[in-house]
Amino acid sequence: MQPRILAIIRIITGLLLIYHGREVFIPEQMKGYTQWLGDLQYPKPALFAYAGKGAELVGGISLLLGLWVRYCMLPLVATLLLITFTMGHGNIFTDDQHPFILALLCAVFGVIGSGAWSMDGYLAAKNKDRLVT
């Protein structure tokens, strides 16, 4: 039962990240993030804004599908920790600091991998069958 529970948590985390990452396609949102990063004295704030939202989107898709999870989590965890400790001023105890919780979840999946109900598992089983026959 535990692998299925972890798979459900992985999928829900992926959906949450996709929800936030989809903002990369909303110019008004991205303009606001670019301005915010500029106010925080980030170099090349537009690049950081698009890279961060892109990492959320790609990482969310990776988690949802269970595909290349171990590879996609490192930039995503870095992005979420950057959000927590610069944009969120390191305050992990406020109600709106879900980037820290998402960073922890992504770190866990980066360590344990995709698990059940994943494309990684499917592809590994398919390759294993090829090697046996």
N, C-alpha and C. Protein backbone atom coordinates (compact mmCIF):
# COMPACT_ATOMS: atom_id res chain seq x y z
N MET A 1 0.82 -1.21 0.00
CA MET A 1 0.00 0.00 0.00
C MET A 1 0.86 1.27 0.00
N GLN A 2 2.00 1.26 0.69
CA GLN A 2 2.86 2.43 0.78
C GLN A 2 3.30 2.96 -0.59
N PRO A 3 3.73 2.12 -1.55
CA PRO A 3 4.12 2.68 -2.84
C PRO A 3 2.99 3.42 -3.54
N ARG A 4 1.76 2.97 -3.37
CA ARG A 4 0.63 3.65 -3.99
C ARG A 4 0.37 5.00 -3.34
N ILE A 5 0.52 5.06 -2.02
CA ILE A 5 0.32 6.34 -1.32
C ILE A 5 1.38 7.34 -1.78
N LEU A 6 2.63 6.90 -1.87
CA LEU A 6 3.69 7.78 -2.36
C LEU A 6 3.43 8.22 -3.79
N ALA A 7 2.88 7.32 -4.61
CA ALA A 7 2.55 7.68 -5.99
C ALA A 7 1.47 8.75 -6.03
N ILE A 8 0.47 8.62 -5.17
CA ILE A 8 -0.59 9.64 -5.12
C ILE A 8 -0.02 10.98 -4.68
N ILE A 9 0.86 10.97 -3.67
CA ILE A 9 1.50 12.22 -3.22
C ILE A 9 2.35 12.80 -4.35
N ARG A 10 3.09 11.95 -5.08
CA ARG A 10 3.90 12.41 -6.21
C ARG A 10 3.04 13.07 -7.28
N ILE A 11 1.93 12.46 -7.60
CA ILE A 11 1.04 12.98 -8.63
C ILE A 11 0.40 14.30 -8.21
N ILE A 12 -0.06 14.37 -6.97
CA ILE A 12 -0.66 15.61 -6.47
C ILE A 12 0.37 16.74 -6.44
N THR A 13 1.59 16.42 -5.99
CA THR A 13 2.66 17.42 -5.99
C THR A 13 2.94 17.90 -7.41
N GLY A 14 2.96 16.97 -8.35
CA GLY A 14 3.16 17.34 -9.76
C GLY A 14 2.07 18.26 -10.26
N LEU A 15 0.82 17.97 -9.92
CA LEU A 15 -0.29 18.82 -10.35
C LEU A 15 -0.18 20.22 -9.75
N LEU A 16 0.22 20.31 -8.48
CA LEU A 16 0.40 21.63 -7.85
C LEU A 16 1.49 22.43 -8.55
N LEU A 17 2.57 21.75 -8.89
CA LEU A 17 3.67 22.45 -9.57
C LEU A 17 3.29 22.86 -10.98
N ILE A 18 2.55 22.02 -11.68
CA ILE A 18 2.06 22.39 -13.02
C ILE A 18 1.16 23.62 -12.92
N TYR A 19 0.30 23.63 -11.91
CA TYR A 19 -0.60 24.77 -11.70
C TYR A 19 0.21 26.07 -11.57
N HIS A 20 1.28 26.03 -10.77
CA HIS A 20 2.10 27.23 -10.59
C HIS A 20 2.98 27.50 -11.81
N GLY A 21 3.49 26.46 -12.43
CA GLY A 21 4.37 26.62 -13.58
C GLY A 21 3.68 27.11 -14.83
N ARG A 22 2.38 26.89 -14.92
CA ARG A 22 1.64 27.32 -16.11
C ARG A 22 1.63 28.84 -16.26
N GLU A 23 1.97 29.53 -15.19
CA GLU A 23 2.04 30.99 -15.24
C GLU A 23 3.10 31.48 -16.22
N VAL A 24 4.00 30.61 -16.63
CA VAL A 24 5.02 30.98 -17.61
C VAL A 24 4.37 31.42 -18.92
N PHE A 25 3.14 31.00 -19.15
CA PHE A 25 2.40 31.35 -20.37
C PHE A 25 1.48 32.56 -20.19
N ILE A 26 1.52 33.20 -19.03
CA ILE A 26 0.66 34.35 -18.74
C ILE A 26 1.55 35.60 -18.64
N PRO A 27 1.63 36.39 -19.71
CA PRO A 27 2.57 37.52 -19.74
C PRO A 27 2.42 38.49 -18.56
N GLU A 28 1.19 38.77 -18.13
CA GLU A 28 1.00 39.70 -17.02
C GLU A 28 1.62 39.17 -15.74
N GLN A 29 1.44 37.87 -15.49
CA GLN A 29 2.03 37.25 -14.30
C GLN A 29 3.55 37.33 -14.36
N MET A 30 4.10 37.00 -15.53
CA MET A 30 5.56 36.98 -15.68
C MET A 30 6.14 38.39 -15.54
N LYS A 31 5.41 39.39 -16.01
CA LYS A 31 5.85 40.77 -15.85
C LYS A 31 5.93 41.12 -14.36
N GLY A 32 4.94 40.68 -13.61
CA GLY A 32 4.94 40.91 -12.16
C GLY A 32 6.09 40.21 -11.46
N TYR A 33 6.36 38.96 -11.83
CA TYR A 33 7.48 38.24 -11.23
C TYR A 33 8.81 38.89 -11.61
N THR A 34 8.93 39.32 -12.85
CA THR A 34 10.15 39.99 -13.30
C THR A 34 10.37 41.28 -12.50
N GLN A 35 9.31 42.05 -12.30
CA GLN A 35 9.41 43.28 -11.51
C GLN A 35 9.82 42.97 -10.07
N TRP A 36 9.20 41.93 -9.50
CA TRP A 36 9.49 41.55 -8.12
C TRP A 36 10.96 41.15 -7.98
N LEU A 37 11.45 40.35 -8.91
CA LEU A 37 12.85 39.94 -8.87
C LEU A 37 13.78 41.12 -9.09
N GLY A 38 13.37 42.05 -9.94
CA GLY A 38 14.16 43.27 -10.13
C GLY A 38 14.23 44.08 -8.86
N ASP A 39 13.11 44.18 -8.15
CA ASP A 39 13.09 44.90 -6.87
C ASP A 39 13.99 44.23 -5.84
N LEU A 40 14.15 42.92 -5.94
CA LEU A 40 15.03 42.17 -5.03
C LEU A 40 16.49 42.18 -5.49
N GLN A 41 16.77 42.95 -6.54
CA GLN A 41 18.12 43.13 -7.06
C GLN A 41 18.70 41.86 -7.70
N TYR A 42 17.83 41.02 -8.27
CA TYR A 42 18.31 39.87 -9.02
C TYR A 42 18.94 40.35 -10.33
N PRO A 43 20.07 39.76 -10.71
CA PRO A 43 20.58 40.08 -12.05
C PRO A 43 19.70 39.36 -13.08
N LYS A 44 19.42 40.00 -14.18
CA LYS A 44 18.59 39.43 -15.23
C LYS A 44 17.28 38.84 -14.67
N PRO A 45 16.44 39.69 -14.08
CA PRO A 45 15.23 39.20 -13.42
C PRO A 45 14.28 38.45 -14.35
N ALA A 46 14.18 38.83 -15.61
CA ALA A 46 13.28 38.11 -16.53
C ALA A 46 13.77 36.69 -16.75
N LEU A 47 15.08 36.53 -16.88
CA LEU A 47 15.65 35.19 -17.06
C LEU A 47 15.36 34.31 -15.85
N PHE A 48 15.56 34.86 -14.66
CA PHE A 48 15.27 34.10 -13.44
C PHE A 48 13.78 33.77 -13.32
N ALA A 49 12.92 34.71 -13.67
CA ALA A 49 11.48 34.47 -13.59
C ALA A 49 11.07 33.33 -14.52
N TYR A 50 11.51 33.40 -15.76
CA TYR A 50 11.14 32.35 -16.72
C TYR A 50 11.80 31.01 -16.39
N ALA A 51 13.04 31.05 -15.91
CA ALA A 51 13.72 29.80 -15.53
C ALA A 51 13.01 29.14 -14.34
N GLY A 52 12.60 29.95 -13.38
CA GLY A 52 11.91 29.41 -12.21
C GLY A 52 10.56 28.80 -12.56
N LYS A 53 9.77 29.55 -13.33
CA LYS A 53 8.46 29.03 -13.73
C LYS A 53 8.61 27.82 -14.67
N GLY A 54 9.64 27.86 -15.50
CA GLY A 54 9.89 26.71 -16.37
C GLY A 54 10.27 25.47 -15.57
N ALA A 55 11.09 25.66 -14.53
CA ALA A 55 11.46 24.54 -13.66
C ALA A 55 10.24 23.97 -12.96
N GLU A 56 9.33 24.84 -12.52
CA GLU A 56 8.10 24.36 -11.88
C GLU A 56 7.26 23.56 -12.86
N LEU A 57 7.12 24.05 -14.08
CA LEU A 57 6.30 23.36 -15.07
C LEU A 57 6.91 22.02 -15.47
N VAL A 58 8.18 22.03 -15.83
CA VAL A 58 8.84 20.78 -16.26
C VAL A 58 8.92 19.79 -15.10
N GLY A 59 9.27 20.29 -13.92
CA GLY A 59 9.33 19.40 -12.75
C GLY A 59 7.97 18.83 -12.39
N GLY A 60 6.93 19.64 -12.53
CA GLY A 60 5.57 19.15 -12.26
C GLY A 60 5.15 18.07 -13.24
N ILE A 61 5.47 18.27 -14.50
CA ILE A 61 5.15 17.25 -15.51
C ILE A 61 5.94 15.98 -15.22
N SER A 62 7.19 16.14 -14.85
CA SER A 62 8.04 14.99 -14.51
C SER A 62 7.42 14.20 -13.35
N LEU A 63 6.99 14.89 -12.32
CA LEU A 63 6.37 14.21 -11.17
C LEU A 63 5.05 13.57 -11.55
N LEU A 64 4.24 14.28 -12.30
CA LEU A 64 2.93 13.74 -12.70
C LEU A 64 3.09 12.43 -13.47
N LEU A 65 4.01 12.44 -14.44
CA LEU A 65 4.21 11.25 -15.26
C LEU A 65 5.12 10.21 -14.60
N GLY A 66 5.90 10.65 -13.62
CA GLY A 66 6.88 9.75 -13.04
C GLY A 66 8.00 9.47 -14.03
N LEU A 67 8.43 10.49 -14.73
CA LEU A 67 9.43 10.34 -15.79
C LEU A 67 10.64 11.22 -15.47
N TRP A 68 11.81 10.61 -15.39
CA TRP A 68 13.08 11.31 -15.12
C TRP A 68 13.03 12.11 -13.82
N VAL A 69 12.35 11.59 -12.83
CA VAL A 69 12.13 12.34 -11.59
C VAL A 69 13.44 12.68 -10.90
N ARG A 70 14.35 11.73 -10.80
CA ARG A 70 15.60 12.01 -10.09
C ARG A 70 16.41 13.12 -10.76
N TYR A 71 16.32 13.22 -12.07
CA TYR A 71 17.07 14.25 -12.79
C TYR A 71 16.41 15.62 -12.70
N CYS A 72 15.09 15.64 -12.71
CA CYS A 72 14.37 16.92 -12.74
C CYS A 72 14.23 17.57 -11.37
N MET A 73 14.43 16.81 -10.30
CA MET A 73 14.19 17.36 -8.98
C MET A 73 15.28 18.29 -8.50
N LEU A 74 16.52 18.10 -8.92
CA LEU A 74 17.59 18.97 -8.44
C LEU A 74 17.37 20.44 -8.83
N PRO A 75 17.12 20.75 -10.10
CA PRO A 75 16.85 22.17 -10.41
C PRO A 75 15.55 22.67 -9.78
N LEU A 76 14.59 21.79 -9.62
CA LEU A 76 13.32 22.21 -9.02
C LEU A 76 13.49 22.51 -7.54
N VAL A 77 14.20 21.65 -6.82
CA VAL A 77 14.46 21.91 -5.40
C VAL A 77 15.24 23.21 -5.24
N ALA A 78 16.25 23.42 -6.08
CA ALA A 78 17.03 24.66 -6.02
C ALA A 78 16.13 25.87 -6.25
N THR A 79 15.24 25.79 -7.23
CA THR A 79 14.32 26.88 -7.52
C THR A 79 13.41 27.16 -6.33
N LEU A 80 12.83 26.11 -5.77
CA LEU A 80 11.89 26.29 -4.66
C LEU A 80 12.58 26.82 -3.41
N LEU A 81 13.81 26.38 -3.16
CA LEU A 81 14.55 26.92 -2.02
C LEU A 81 14.95 28.38 -2.25
N LEU A 82 15.28 28.71 -3.48
CA LEU A 82 15.57 30.10 -3.82
C LEU A 82 14.35 30.97 -3.58
N ILE A 83 13.19 30.48 -3.99
CA ILE A 83 11.94 31.21 -3.75
C ILE A 83 11.72 31.39 -2.25
N THR A 84 11.92 30.31 -1.49
CA THR A 84 11.68 30.35 -0.05
C THR A 84 12.60 31.33 0.66
N PHE A 85 13.89 31.25 0.33
CA PHE A 85 14.86 32.00 1.12
C PHE A 85 15.20 33.38 0.58
N THR A 86 14.79 33.71 -0.64
CA THR A 86 15.01 35.08 -1.10
C THR A 86 13.68 35.81 -1.21
N MET A 87 12.79 35.31 -2.02
CA MET A 87 11.51 35.98 -2.20
C MET A 87 10.65 35.89 -0.94
N GLY A 88 10.75 34.75 -0.23
CA GLY A 88 9.99 34.56 1.00
C GLY A 88 10.76 34.97 2.24
N HIS A 89 11.97 35.49 2.05
CA HIS A 89 12.82 35.99 3.14
C HIS A 89 13.13 34.92 4.19
N GLY A 90 13.10 33.64 3.78
CA GLY A 90 13.48 32.55 4.67
C GLY A 90 12.47 32.19 5.73
N ASN A 91 11.29 32.79 5.68
CA ASN A 91 10.28 32.51 6.70
C ASN A 91 9.47 31.30 6.27
N ILE A 92 9.84 30.13 6.79
CA ILE A 92 9.17 28.89 6.39
C ILE A 92 7.94 28.58 7.22
N PHE A 93 7.62 29.41 8.18
CA PHE A 93 6.51 29.13 9.08
C PHE A 93 5.24 29.93 8.79
N THR A 94 5.24 30.73 7.72
CA THR A 94 4.03 31.49 7.39
C THR A 94 3.10 30.61 6.56
N ASP A 95 1.85 31.00 6.51
CA ASP A 95 0.84 30.22 5.79
C ASP A 95 1.10 30.16 4.29
N ASP A 96 1.73 31.17 3.74
CA ASP A 96 1.90 31.21 2.29
C ASP A 96 3.27 30.69 1.83
N GLN A 97 4.01 30.00 2.71
CA GLN A 97 5.33 29.49 2.31
C GLN A 97 5.26 28.01 1.92
N HIS A 98 4.35 27.71 0.98
CA HIS A 98 4.30 26.33 0.49
C HIS A 98 5.48 25.96 -0.41
N PRO A 99 6.27 26.92 -0.94
CA PRO A 99 7.45 26.50 -1.72
C PRO A 99 8.42 25.66 -0.90
N PHE A 100 8.52 25.92 0.41
CA PHE A 100 9.43 25.13 1.23
C PHE A 100 8.93 23.69 1.36
N ILE A 101 7.64 23.52 1.58
CA ILE A 101 7.07 22.18 1.68
C ILE A 101 7.21 21.45 0.35
N LEU A 102 6.98 22.15 -0.75
CA LEU A 102 7.16 21.54 -2.07
C LEU A 102 8.62 21.17 -2.30
N ALA A 103 9.55 22.00 -1.83
CA ALA A 103 10.97 21.67 -1.97
C ALA A 103 11.30 20.39 -1.21
N LEU A 104 10.75 20.24 -0.01
CA LEU A 104 10.98 19.02 0.77
C LEU A 104 10.40 17.79 0.05
N LEU A 105 9.19 17.91 -0.45
CA LEU A 105 8.58 16.80 -1.18
C LEU A 105 9.40 16.44 -2.42
N CYS A 106 9.84 17.44 -3.15
CA CYS A 106 10.63 17.18 -4.36
C CYS A 106 11.97 16.56 -4.01
N ALA A 107 12.56 16.98 -2.89
CA ALA A 107 13.81 16.37 -2.45
C ALA A 107 13.60 14.89 -2.13
N VAL A 108 12.49 14.57 -1.48
CA VAL A 108 12.18 13.17 -1.18
C VAL A 108 12.05 12.37 -2.47
N PHE A 109 11.31 12.87 -3.43
CA PHE A 109 11.15 12.13 -4.69
C PHE A 109 12.45 12.10 -5.49
N GLY A 110 13.29 13.10 -5.31
CA GLY A 110 14.60 13.06 -5.94
C GLY A 110 15.46 11.94 -5.40
N VAL A 111 15.26 11.60 -4.14
CA VAL A 111 16.02 10.52 -3.51
C VAL A 111 15.39 9.16 -3.79
N ILE A 112 14.07 9.05 -3.61
CA ILE A 112 13.44 7.72 -3.75
C ILE A 112 13.08 7.38 -5.19
N GLY A 113 13.02 8.37 -6.06
CA GLY A 113 12.69 8.12 -7.45
C GLY A 113 11.19 8.15 -7.70
N SER A 114 10.82 7.67 -8.86
CA SER A 114 9.44 7.77 -9.34
C SER A 114 8.47 6.86 -8.60
N GLY A 115 8.88 5.65 -8.32
CA GLY A 115 8.02 4.72 -7.62
C GLY A 115 6.92 4.13 -8.48
N ALA A 116 5.81 3.80 -7.84
CA ALA A 116 4.68 3.13 -8.50
C ALA A 116 3.99 4.07 -9.47
N TRP A 117 3.29 3.49 -10.41
CA TRP A 117 2.47 4.22 -11.39
C TRP A 117 3.30 5.27 -12.14
N SER A 118 4.47 4.90 -12.58
CA SER A 118 5.35 5.87 -13.22
C SER A 118 5.82 5.39 -14.59
N MET A 119 6.13 6.35 -15.44
CA MET A 119 6.70 6.03 -16.74
C MET A 119 8.09 5.41 -16.57
N ASP A 120 8.85 5.88 -15.59
CA ASP A 120 10.16 5.29 -15.32
C ASP A 120 10.03 3.80 -15.02
N GLY A 121 9.07 3.45 -14.17
CA GLY A 121 8.84 2.04 -13.84
C GLY A 121 8.40 1.24 -15.04
N TYR A 122 7.51 1.82 -15.82
CA TYR A 122 7.03 1.14 -17.02
C TYR A 122 8.17 0.89 -18.00
N LEU A 123 8.98 1.91 -18.24
CA LEU A 123 10.09 1.77 -19.18
C LEU A 123 11.14 0.79 -18.67
N ALA A 124 11.40 0.80 -17.37
CA ALA A 124 12.35 -0.15 -16.80
C ALA A 124 11.86 -1.58 -16.94
N ALA A 125 10.56 -1.80 -16.69
CA ALA A 125 9.99 -3.15 -16.86
C ALA A 125 10.02 -3.59 -18.30
N LYS A 126 9.74 -2.66 -19.21
CA LYS A 126 9.76 -2.98 -20.63
C LYS A 126 11.17 -3.35 -21.09
N ASN A 127 12.17 -2.60 -20.63
CA ASN A 127 13.55 -2.90 -20.97
C ASN A 127 14.01 -4.21 -20.35
N LYS A 128 13.55 -4.50 -19.14
CA LYS A 128 13.90 -5.75 -18.48
C LYS A 128 13.36 -6.93 -19.26
N ASP A 129 12.11 -6.81 -19.75
CA ASP A 129 11.51 -7.87 -20.56
C ASP A 129 12.30 -8.08 -21.85
N ARG A 130 12.80 -7.02 -22.43
CA ARG A 130 13.60 -7.12 -23.65
C ARG A 130 14.90 -7.87 -23.40
N LEU A 131 15.49 -7.63 -22.25
CA LEU A 131 16.76 -8.28 -21.93
C LEU A 131 16.58 -9.76 -21.63
N VAL A 132 15.42 -10.12 -21.07
CA VAL A 132 15.15 -11.51 -20.70
C VAL A 132 14.84 -12.33 -21.95
N THR A 133 14.10 -11.79 -22.89
CA THR A 133 13.71 -12.58 -24.07
C THR A 133 14.75 -12.64 -25.12
